[in-house]
Amino acid sequence: VTFFSVKTITITAWTVGPDNPSYYRFENLKAAVERLNKILEDSGADIRVKLEGFFNTTGWDDFKQKVVFGFQAKQKFDILCSGHDDIGAWAKAGYIIPLDDYIKKYWDEVYYDIIPSLWESTKFLGKIYAVPQDTEARPFYINKKVLKKLGWSDEEINALPEKIRKGEFTLFDFVEVAKEAVNKGLVEWGLYHRPKMGIDYFQIFTSFGVDFYDEEKGIFVFNKKEMYKVYEFFYNLTNVWKITPKAMIGTPWSSVHKDVTSGKVLAWMGGTWNWAEWIKDYGKTDEELQEMFLVAPTPKATAEGKPNTLSHPVVYMIPSHTKYPDLAFLIITLATDPKLNFKHAIESGHLPIRWQETVFPEYRKNFIMVEGTKLLPFSSFIPNDDKFNEFNRIIFDGLSAVEGGTLPGKVVDDVAKRLKNQLKDKVVIVEE
């Protein structure tokens, strides 16, 4: 019998919710390390791995501040879990490493199976800097009971999501149905969208074929002619068609969800995670929700546009100051196991990132998961750019203005000016 001393390497992971149910972002790394240690032990290796770190639930801003400070002070952490939208700033600052070569190494065993659209969210200037950990989608929820009262047959209702996916039923077709439902007194409002700044409304940009970011050059693009159409649409929602309340922006979330689940609104631009909220906080059952809503992408508006959804994947990254990049990546790879990842998806109301997860019996039983996954091929993502929040704030102020009654032409000019003043050479204004 040979005795040898075993060396223990400590790997530290910093992970974030901030929602409590997403704790598997850390737990799955623990499970991966246990699996790795079992393999090391069985193969007689003289090395073991210990996982340390935390799962943060205080909030995105607080977590990201801590991370940036950690990068600058080169604090000990080897794996990092955050939103994909941090990649641009952190890659540019040299804080995280590109992972293309690592991914190639395990492509045939693991990474071939990741839903392809998700890789787009992990890139910065053409290189991959992260591994997807989870995702979600933002459905266009339409109230089927209202369509039924408008005289739609079950066949027509059931065929609608596919017509939207194929681009055969457009956003303007929806507007006509919404106007009819409001005029007949079947609903108070035709369409609700999020009441605060966020990213959901960029889906309407994609519906109109507006591409507001140049990936190659890493700059924002504001095309006045295209953006006029988008702002005009939001202006018409509240001022002309009157299918969205003028005070939509600023409405409390609880009122939004109450109105949507009580049938006061024909359609809601929400998220897959709303389903669990409606069951938990708004007294609905899964059956009731399935009877009430169909789930589709946001319809396309124009020939240049396309049906779409927006996803915000959370991802694993590796800091450039770690001593153990290979080991950190191996642990991330083992944590990207379909069973482990599926546990996280079910527990936290997220969607699968691997096709293999979609064959589990529990997956097939989960209506919103199945329907949500159908949206993923239609996913677009916000750009991985550190100036996105500034860009978004100005765009959103424009939305508030048009919905409040300021004419779209004036808003387009104001927004273009503000963007140029604030973002300078990070934005190109296309005049005509």
Protein backbone atom coordinates (compact mmCIF):
# COMPACT_ATOMS: atom_id res chain seq x y z
CA VAL A 1 0.00 0.00 0.00
CA THR A 2 1.38 3.39 -0.95
CA PHE A 3 0.52 6.41 1.12
CA PHE A 4 0.71 9.85 -0.42
CA SER A 5 -0.45 13.21 0.76
CA VAL A 6 -3.48 14.69 -0.91
CA LYS A 7 -3.29 18.31 -2.00
CA THR A 8 -6.50 20.35 -1.71
CA ILE A 9 -7.16 23.23 -4.10
CA THR A 10 -9.78 25.77 -3.06
CA ILE A 11 -11.98 27.18 -5.81
CA THR A 12 -14.11 30.20 -4.89
CA ALA A 13 -17.36 31.02 -6.69
CA TRP A 14 -19.27 34.29 -6.47
CA THR A 15 -22.87 33.81 -7.61
CA VAL A 16 -26.04 35.89 -7.58
CA GLY A 17 -29.85 35.48 -7.53
CA PRO A 18 -30.79 38.06 -6.70
CA ASP A 19 -34.07 36.08 -6.48
CA ASN A 20 -33.97 33.47 -3.67
CA PRO A 21 -35.24 30.53 -5.78
CA SER A 22 -32.14 30.70 -8.03
CA TYR A 23 -29.84 29.24 -5.35
CA TYR A 24 -28.87 26.30 -7.59
CA ARG A 25 -26.51 28.70 -9.37
CA PHE A 26 -24.21 28.02 -6.40
CA GLU A 27 -25.51 24.58 -5.35
CA ASN A 28 -24.88 23.11 -8.82
CA LEU A 29 -21.23 24.15 -8.59
CA LYS A 30 -21.08 22.32 -5.24
CA ALA A 31 -22.58 19.21 -6.83
CA ALA A 32 -20.05 19.49 -9.68
CA VAL A 33 -17.16 19.62 -7.20
CA GLU A 34 -18.51 16.56 -5.34
CA ARG A 35 -18.67 14.68 -8.63
CA LEU A 36 -15.16 15.79 -9.55
CA ASN A 37 -13.75 14.68 -6.17
CA LYS A 38 -15.38 11.28 -6.58
CA ILE A 39 -13.64 10.87 -9.97
CA LEU A 40 -10.31 12.05 -8.53
CA GLU A 41 -10.61 9.65 -5.60
CA ASP A 42 -11.59 6.68 -7.76
CA SER A 43 -8.71 7.30 -10.13
CA GLY A 44 -6.18 7.49 -7.29
CA ALA A 45 -5.25 11.12 -7.96
CA ASP A 46 -3.43 13.06 -5.23
CA ILE A 47 -5.58 16.16 -5.54
CA ARG A 48 -8.99 17.23 -4.22
CA VAL A 49 -11.07 20.36 -4.75
CA LYS A 50 -12.89 22.40 -2.13
CA LEU A 51 -15.57 24.93 -3.12
CA GLU A 52 -16.02 28.17 -1.22
CA GLY A 53 -17.97 31.33 -2.03
CA PHE A 54 -21.50 32.70 -1.78
CA PHE A 55 -24.92 33.15 -3.34
CA ASN A 56 -25.93 36.83 -3.20
CA THR A 57 -29.57 37.92 -2.80
CA THR A 58 -29.16 41.60 -1.94
CA GLY A 59 -29.69 42.88 -5.49
CA TRP A 60 -27.93 43.28 -8.85
CA ASP A 61 -26.33 46.68 -8.18
CA ASP A 62 -24.89 45.66 -4.86
CA PHE A 63 -23.50 42.41 -6.29
CA LYS A 64 -21.96 44.04 -9.37
CA GLN A 65 -20.27 46.70 -7.24
CA LYS A 66 -18.75 43.99 -5.07
CA VAL A 67 -17.53 42.13 -8.18
CA VAL A 68 -15.88 45.18 -9.75
CA PHE A 69 -14.16 45.93 -6.44
CA GLY A 70 -13.10 42.26 -6.29
CA PHE A 71 -11.59 42.46 -9.78
CA GLN A 72 -9.69 45.64 -8.98
CA ALA A 73 -8.36 44.31 -5.66
CA LYS A 74 -7.69 40.86 -7.22
CA GLN A 75 -9.67 39.19 -4.45
CA LYS A 76 -9.70 35.40 -4.46
CA PHE A 77 -12.49 34.13 -6.71
CA ASP A 78 -12.25 31.72 -9.65
CA ILE A 79 -15.81 31.45 -10.95
CA LEU A 80 -18.27 34.29 -11.38
CA CYS A 81 -21.99 34.14 -12.13
CA SER A 82 -23.79 37.29 -13.34
CA GLY A 83 -25.98 38.66 -16.15
CA HIS A 84 -24.75 38.35 -19.76
CA ASP A 85 -24.97 42.13 -20.09
CA ASP A 86 -21.87 42.54 -17.87
CA ILE A 87 -19.65 40.80 -20.41
CA GLY A 88 -18.92 43.91 -22.50
CA ALA A 89 -17.65 46.08 -19.67
CA TRP A 90 -15.72 43.30 -17.93
CA ALA A 91 -14.13 41.86 -21.09
CA LYS A 92 -13.12 45.34 -22.21
CA ALA A 93 -11.47 46.02 -18.85
CA GLY A 94 -9.58 42.71 -19.12
CA TYR A 95 -11.32 41.31 -16.02
CA ILE A 96 -12.57 38.08 -17.64
CA ILE A 97 -11.00 35.62 -20.10
CA PRO A 98 -12.28 34.41 -23.49
CA LEU A 99 -13.46 30.79 -23.33
CA ASP A 100 -13.56 29.71 -27.00
CA ASP A 101 -10.69 27.21 -26.66
CA TYR A 102 -12.08 25.71 -23.46
CA ILE A 103 -15.52 25.28 -25.02
CA LYS A 104 -14.03 23.55 -28.08
CA LYS A 105 -12.36 21.05 -25.74
CA TYR A 106 -15.71 19.88 -24.31
CA TRP A 107 -17.90 20.67 -27.32
CA ASP A 108 -18.74 17.08 -28.30
CA GLU A 109 -19.59 15.96 -24.76
CA VAL A 110 -21.47 18.97 -23.41
CA TYR A 111 -21.62 22.23 -25.29
CA TYR A 112 -23.02 20.99 -28.63
CA ASP A 113 -26.31 20.53 -26.75
CA ILE A 114 -26.77 24.14 -25.59
CA ILE A 115 -29.67 25.91 -27.36
CA PRO A 116 -27.73 27.71 -30.12
CA SER A 117 -29.29 31.18 -29.82
CA LEU A 118 -27.94 31.43 -26.24
CA TRP A 119 -24.30 31.58 -27.41
CA GLU A 120 -25.05 34.94 -29.02
CA SER A 121 -25.56 36.44 -25.58
CA THR A 122 -22.10 35.34 -24.41
CA LYS A 123 -20.05 37.10 -27.09
CA PHE A 124 -18.11 40.33 -27.11
CA LEU A 125 -16.34 41.48 -30.31
CA GLY A 126 -16.68 37.99 -31.75
CA LYS A 127 -15.25 35.99 -28.81
CA ILE A 128 -17.15 33.90 -26.26
CA TYR A 129 -16.59 35.05 -22.67
CA ALA A 130 -19.16 32.98 -20.75
CA VAL A 131 -21.17 29.78 -20.48
CA PRO A 132 -24.99 30.13 -20.26
CA GLN A 133 -26.37 29.11 -16.85
CA ASP A 134 -30.06 29.75 -17.44
CA THR A 135 -32.45 31.77 -19.52
CA GLU A 136 -36.05 32.93 -19.74
CA ALA A 137 -38.31 34.35 -22.41
CA ARG A 138 -40.79 37.18 -22.60
CA PRO A 139 -44.08 35.94 -24.05
CA PHE A 140 -46.84 37.96 -25.64
CA TYR A 141 -49.71 36.61 -23.52
CA ILE A 142 -53.13 36.83 -25.23
CA ASN A 143 -56.39 36.18 -23.36
CA LYS A 144 -58.12 33.31 -25.19
CA LYS A 145 -61.45 33.84 -23.40
CA VAL A 146 -61.73 37.30 -24.93
CA LEU A 147 -60.96 35.96 -28.44
CA LYS A 148 -63.71 33.37 -27.88
CA LYS A 149 -66.19 36.14 -27.00
CA LEU A 150 -65.15 37.94 -30.19
CA GLY A 151 -66.35 34.88 -32.10
CA TRP A 152 -63.03 33.11 -32.73
CA SER A 153 -63.30 29.31 -33.00
CA ASP A 154 -61.07 27.01 -30.91
CA GLU A 155 -59.20 26.08 -34.10
CA GLU A 156 -58.49 29.73 -34.89
CA ILE A 157 -57.35 30.41 -31.33
CA ASN A 158 -55.07 27.36 -31.20
CA ALA A 159 -53.57 28.24 -34.58
CA LEU A 160 -52.71 31.82 -33.55
CA PRO A 161 -49.28 31.24 -31.90
CA GLU A 162 -48.04 29.45 -35.02
CA LYS A 163 -49.39 32.24 -37.26
CA ILE A 164 -47.49 34.76 -35.13
CA ARG A 165 -44.31 32.63 -35.29
CA LYS A 166 -44.59 32.51 -39.09
CA GLY A 167 -45.21 36.25 -39.31
CA GLU A 168 -48.70 35.76 -40.77
CA PHE A 169 -50.43 37.61 -37.91
CA THR A 170 -48.78 40.99 -37.30
CA LEU A 171 -48.69 43.55 -34.52
CA PHE A 172 -51.09 45.71 -36.55
CA ASP A 173 -53.48 42.75 -36.93
CA PHE A 174 -53.36 42.51 -33.14
CA VAL A 175 -54.14 46.23 -32.78
CA GLU A 176 -57.34 45.74 -34.83
CA VAL A 177 -58.46 42.85 -32.60
CA ALA A 178 -57.62 44.88 -29.47
CA LYS A 179 -59.62 47.90 -30.69
CA GLU A 180 -62.60 45.63 -31.38
CA ALA A 181 -62.38 44.01 -27.91
CA VAL A 182 -62.25 47.43 -26.21
CA ASN A 183 -65.06 48.90 -28.35
CA LYS A 184 -67.32 45.94 -27.57
CA GLY A 185 -66.64 46.38 -23.85
CA LEU A 186 -65.08 42.92 -23.47
CA VAL A 187 -61.92 44.36 -21.91
CA GLU A 188 -60.92 47.72 -20.47
CA TRP A 189 -57.59 47.73 -22.30
CA GLY A 190 -56.04 46.01 -25.31
CA LEU A 191 -52.36 45.88 -24.36
CA TYR A 192 -50.25 46.29 -21.22
CA HIS A 193 -46.46 46.56 -21.27
CA ARG A 194 -44.00 46.89 -18.38
CA PRO A 195 -44.63 50.00 -16.29
CA LYS A 196 -40.97 50.84 -15.64
CA MET A 197 -37.64 51.11 -17.41
CA GLY A 198 -36.34 47.67 -18.39
CA ILE A 199 -35.64 45.81 -21.61
CA ASP A 200 -39.01 44.37 -22.66
CA TYR A 201 -39.99 47.22 -24.98
CA PHE A 202 -36.95 46.54 -27.21
CA GLN A 203 -39.03 43.63 -28.54
CA ILE A 204 -41.16 46.21 -30.36
CA PHE A 205 -37.96 47.59 -31.96
CA THR A 206 -37.24 44.10 -33.36
CA SER A 207 -40.86 43.84 -34.57
CA PHE A 208 -40.17 46.95 -36.66
CA GLY A 209 -36.77 45.69 -37.86
CA VAL A 210 -34.81 48.32 -35.92
CA ASP A 211 -31.22 47.28 -35.24
CA PHE A 212 -29.93 49.73 -32.65
CA TYR A 213 -26.43 48.32 -32.13
CA ASP A 214 -23.47 47.73 -34.44
CA GLU A 215 -21.71 44.62 -33.05
CA GLU A 216 -18.62 45.04 -35.25
CA LYS A 217 -17.89 48.58 -34.14
CA GLY A 218 -19.38 48.30 -30.66
CA ILE A 219 -21.54 51.43 -31.06
CA PHE A 220 -25.23 52.29 -30.78
CA VAL A 221 -27.23 53.32 -33.84
CA PHE A 222 -30.23 55.65 -33.73
CA ASN A 223 -31.95 55.73 -37.10
CA LYS A 224 -34.43 58.62 -36.92
CA LYS A 225 -36.70 57.37 -39.69
CA GLU A 226 -36.95 53.85 -38.23
CA MET A 227 -37.31 55.10 -34.68
CA TYR A 228 -40.10 57.44 -35.74
CA LYS A 229 -42.19 54.33 -36.57
CA VAL A 230 -41.47 52.79 -33.16
CA TYR A 231 -42.28 55.94 -31.20
CA GLU A 232 -45.36 56.52 -33.36
CA PHE A 233 -46.58 53.03 -32.42
CA PHE A 234 -46.29 53.81 -28.68
CA TYR A 235 -47.89 57.23 -29.26
CA ASN A 236 -50.83 55.61 -31.03
CA LEU A 237 -51.29 52.97 -28.30
CA THR A 238 -52.27 55.57 -25.72
CA ASN A 239 -53.34 58.63 -27.75
CA VAL A 240 -54.99 57.41 -30.95
CA TRP A 241 -56.12 53.79 -30.62
CA LYS A 242 -56.42 54.20 -26.82
CA ILE A 243 -55.82 50.50 -26.17
CA THR A 244 -53.12 51.17 -23.53
CA PRO A 245 -53.68 53.52 -20.57
CA LYS A 246 -51.92 56.89 -20.76
CA ALA A 247 -50.62 56.27 -17.24
CA MET A 248 -49.21 52.82 -18.12
CA ILE A 249 -45.69 53.93 -17.20
CA GLY A 250 -45.70 54.33 -13.44
CA THR A 251 -48.56 51.90 -12.73
CA PRO A 252 -47.70 49.68 -9.72
CA TRP A 253 -46.70 46.11 -10.65
CA SER A 254 -49.41 44.64 -8.43
CA SER A 255 -52.13 46.54 -10.35
CA VAL A 256 -50.68 45.35 -13.66
CA HIS A 257 -50.79 41.69 -12.60
CA LYS A 258 -54.26 42.03 -11.06
CA ASP A 259 -55.66 43.52 -14.27
CA VAL A 260 -53.97 40.92 -16.50
CA THR A 261 -55.08 37.91 -14.42
CA SER A 262 -58.64 39.20 -13.85
CA GLY A 263 -59.27 39.53 -17.59
CA LYS A 264 -59.34 43.33 -17.85
CA VAL A 265 -56.66 43.32 -20.57
CA LEU A 266 -56.50 41.44 -23.88
CA ALA A 267 -52.71 41.04 -24.03
CA TRP A 268 -49.67 41.46 -21.78
CA MET A 269 -46.01 41.70 -22.77
CA GLY A 270 -44.63 39.80 -19.79
CA GLY A 271 -42.17 37.10 -18.81
CA THR A 272 -42.27 33.32 -18.37
CA TRP A 273 -41.59 33.88 -14.65
CA ASN A 274 -44.96 35.71 -14.32
CA TRP A 275 -46.72 32.32 -14.48
CA ALA A 276 -45.30 31.26 -11.09
CA GLU A 277 -46.01 34.72 -9.63
CA TRP A 278 -49.64 34.52 -10.75
CA ILE A 279 -50.04 31.15 -9.05
CA LYS A 280 -48.20 32.19 -5.89
CA ASP A 281 -49.43 35.77 -5.41
CA TYR A 282 -52.59 36.21 -7.50
CA GLY A 283 -54.61 33.14 -6.58
CA LYS A 284 -54.55 31.42 -9.98
CA THR A 285 -54.04 27.70 -10.67
CA ASP A 286 -51.96 26.32 -13.52
CA GLU A 287 -55.17 24.99 -15.13
CA GLU A 288 -56.90 28.37 -14.94
CA LEU A 289 -53.93 30.10 -16.54
CA GLN A 290 -53.76 27.52 -19.33
CA GLU A 291 -57.45 28.08 -20.04
CA MET A 292 -56.94 31.83 -20.04
CA PHE A 293 -53.73 32.54 -21.97
CA LEU A 294 -52.01 31.58 -25.16
CA VAL A 295 -48.26 32.15 -25.32
CA ALA A 296 -46.57 33.55 -28.44
CA PRO A 297 -43.62 35.70 -29.51
CA THR A 298 -44.18 39.44 -29.92
CA PRO A 299 -45.67 39.66 -33.45
CA LYS A 300 -43.72 41.33 -36.23
CA ALA A 301 -44.95 44.78 -37.26
CA THR A 302 -43.40 45.39 -40.69
CA ALA A 303 -41.80 43.46 -43.54
CA GLU A 304 -38.33 44.31 -42.15
CA GLY A 305 -39.31 43.16 -38.67
CA LYS A 306 -39.63 39.68 -37.22
CA PRO A 307 -41.56 37.85 -34.50
CA ASN A 308 -39.32 37.83 -31.42
CA THR A 309 -38.75 37.53 -27.71
CA LEU A 310 -36.03 38.91 -25.47
CA SER A 311 -33.99 36.77 -23.11
CA HIS A 312 -31.58 37.78 -20.37
CA PRO A 313 -29.36 34.74 -19.74
CA VAL A 314 -27.37 34.52 -16.54
CA VAL A 315 -23.89 33.16 -17.26
CA TYR A 316 -20.71 31.75 -15.70
CA MET A 317 -17.45 33.64 -16.33
CA ILE A 318 -13.81 33.16 -15.30
CA PRO A 319 -11.79 36.09 -13.90
CA SER A 320 -8.43 36.72 -15.56
CA HIS A 321 -6.64 36.81 -12.20
CA THR A 322 -7.51 33.21 -11.20
CA LYS A 323 -4.63 30.77 -10.80
CA TYR A 324 -6.86 27.87 -11.88
CA PRO A 325 -8.71 28.73 -15.12
CA ASP A 326 -8.69 25.10 -16.39
CA LEU A 327 -10.06 23.71 -13.15
CA ALA A 328 -12.66 26.49 -12.87
CA PHE A 329 -13.84 25.73 -16.39
CA LEU A 330 -14.02 21.99 -15.70
CA ILE A 331 -16.27 22.68 -12.69
CA ILE A 332 -18.53 24.95 -14.79
CA THR A 333 -18.70 22.17 -17.40
CA LEU A 334 -19.70 19.55 -14.82
CA ALA A 335 -22.32 21.97 -13.42
CA THR A 336 -23.78 22.30 -16.93
CA ASP A 337 -25.17 18.78 -16.53
CA PRO A 338 -28.76 18.48 -17.87
CA LYS A 339 -30.16 17.07 -14.60
CA LEU A 340 -28.50 19.70 -12.41
CA ASN A 341 -29.52 22.51 -14.70
CA PHE A 342 -33.08 21.24 -14.95
CA LYS A 343 -33.37 21.23 -11.15
CA HIS A 344 -32.49 24.92 -11.22
CA ALA A 345 -34.97 25.68 -14.03
CA ILE A 346 -37.90 23.99 -12.24
CA GLU A 347 -37.09 25.51 -8.86
CA SER A 348 -36.58 29.08 -10.11
CA GLY A 349 -39.06 29.38 -12.99
CA HIS A 350 -36.36 29.58 -15.67
CA LEU A 351 -36.06 27.73 -18.98
CA PRO A 352 -33.70 24.91 -19.98
CA ILE A 353 -30.40 25.80 -21.66
CA ARG A 354 -29.81 22.29 -23.07
CA TRP A 355 -32.02 20.33 -25.45
CA GLN A 356 -31.50 17.19 -23.32
CA GLU A 357 -33.51 18.82 -20.53
CA THR A 358 -36.57 18.91 -22.78
CA VAL A 359 -36.92 15.09 -22.77
CA PHE A 360 -37.41 14.80 -18.99
CA PRO A 361 -40.98 13.76 -18.07
CA GLU A 362 -41.27 16.64 -15.53
CA TYR A 363 -40.42 19.07 -18.33
CA ARG A 364 -43.22 17.80 -20.55
CA LYS A 365 -45.68 18.27 -17.69
CA ASN A 366 -44.68 21.91 -17.18
CA PHE A 367 -46.84 23.97 -19.56
CA ILE A 368 -45.08 27.33 -19.29
CA MET A 369 -41.67 25.70 -19.62
CA VAL A 370 -42.65 23.85 -22.80
CA GLU A 371 -44.28 26.95 -24.30
CA GLY A 372 -41.44 29.20 -23.15
CA THR A 373 -38.81 26.95 -24.75
CA LYS A 374 -40.65 27.24 -28.08
CA LEU A 375 -39.88 30.97 -27.91
CA LEU A 376 -36.10 30.56 -27.51
CA PRO A 377 -35.31 30.27 -31.25
CA PHE A 378 -36.89 33.75 -31.53
CA SER A 379 -34.65 35.22 -28.82
CA SER A 380 -32.72 38.40 -29.18
CA PHE A 381 -30.55 39.92 -26.46
CA ILE A 382 -29.59 43.39 -25.32
CA PRO A 383 -26.01 44.26 -26.32
CA ASN A 384 -23.12 43.41 -24.00
CA ASP A 385 -22.10 47.04 -23.76
CA ASP A 386 -21.23 49.04 -20.64
CA LYS A 387 -23.11 52.09 -22.00
CA PHE A 388 -26.37 50.23 -22.56
CA ASN A 389 -28.01 51.60 -19.39
CA GLU A 390 -27.37 55.21 -20.43
CA PHE A 391 -28.73 54.48 -23.91
CA ASN A 392 -31.77 52.72 -22.43
CA ARG A 393 -32.57 55.56 -19.99
CA ILE A 394 -32.80 58.09 -22.87
CA ILE A 395 -34.83 55.72 -25.08
CA PHE A 396 -37.21 55.06 -22.17
CA ASP A 397 -37.68 58.76 -21.40
CA GLY A 398 -38.76 59.07 -25.05
CA LEU A 399 -41.35 56.31 -24.58
CA SER A 400 -42.76 58.05 -21.50
CA ALA A 401 -42.99 61.28 -23.49
CA VAL A 402 -44.88 59.86 -26.49
CA GLU A 403 -47.28 57.85 -24.35
CA GLY A 404 -47.96 61.04 -22.41
CA GLY A 405 -48.91 62.83 -25.65
CA THR A 406 -45.73 64.49 -27.00
CA LEU A 407 -45.64 64.08 -30.80
CA PRO A 408 -43.30 61.34 -32.10
CA GLY A 409 -41.39 63.73 -34.40
CA LYS A 410 -40.42 65.98 -31.51
CA VAL A 411 -39.47 63.00 -29.33
CA VAL A 412 -37.22 61.52 -32.04
CA ASP A 413 -35.35 64.85 -32.34
CA ASP A 414 -35.02 65.22 -28.56
CA VAL A 415 -33.82 61.64 -28.06
CA ALA A 416 -31.28 61.96 -30.90
CA LYS A 417 -29.87 65.15 -29.33
CA ARG A 418 -29.64 63.66 -25.85
CA LEU A 419 -27.99 60.48 -27.14
CA LYS A 420 -25.36 62.47 -29.03
CA ASN A 421 -24.67 64.74 -26.04
CA GLN A 422 -24.32 61.89 -23.61
CA LEU A 423 -22.83 59.03 -25.64
CA LYS A 424 -20.76 61.16 -28.07
CA ASP A 425 -18.85 58.81 -30.40
CA LYS A 426 -20.54 55.72 -28.87
CA VAL A 427 -23.64 56.49 -30.96
CA VAL A 428 -24.30 57.16 -34.64
CA ILE A 429 -27.39 59.20 -35.50
CA VAL A 430 -28.74 58.28 -38.94
CA GLU A 431 -30.66 61.33 -40.16
CA GLU A 432 -32.56 59.86 -43.09
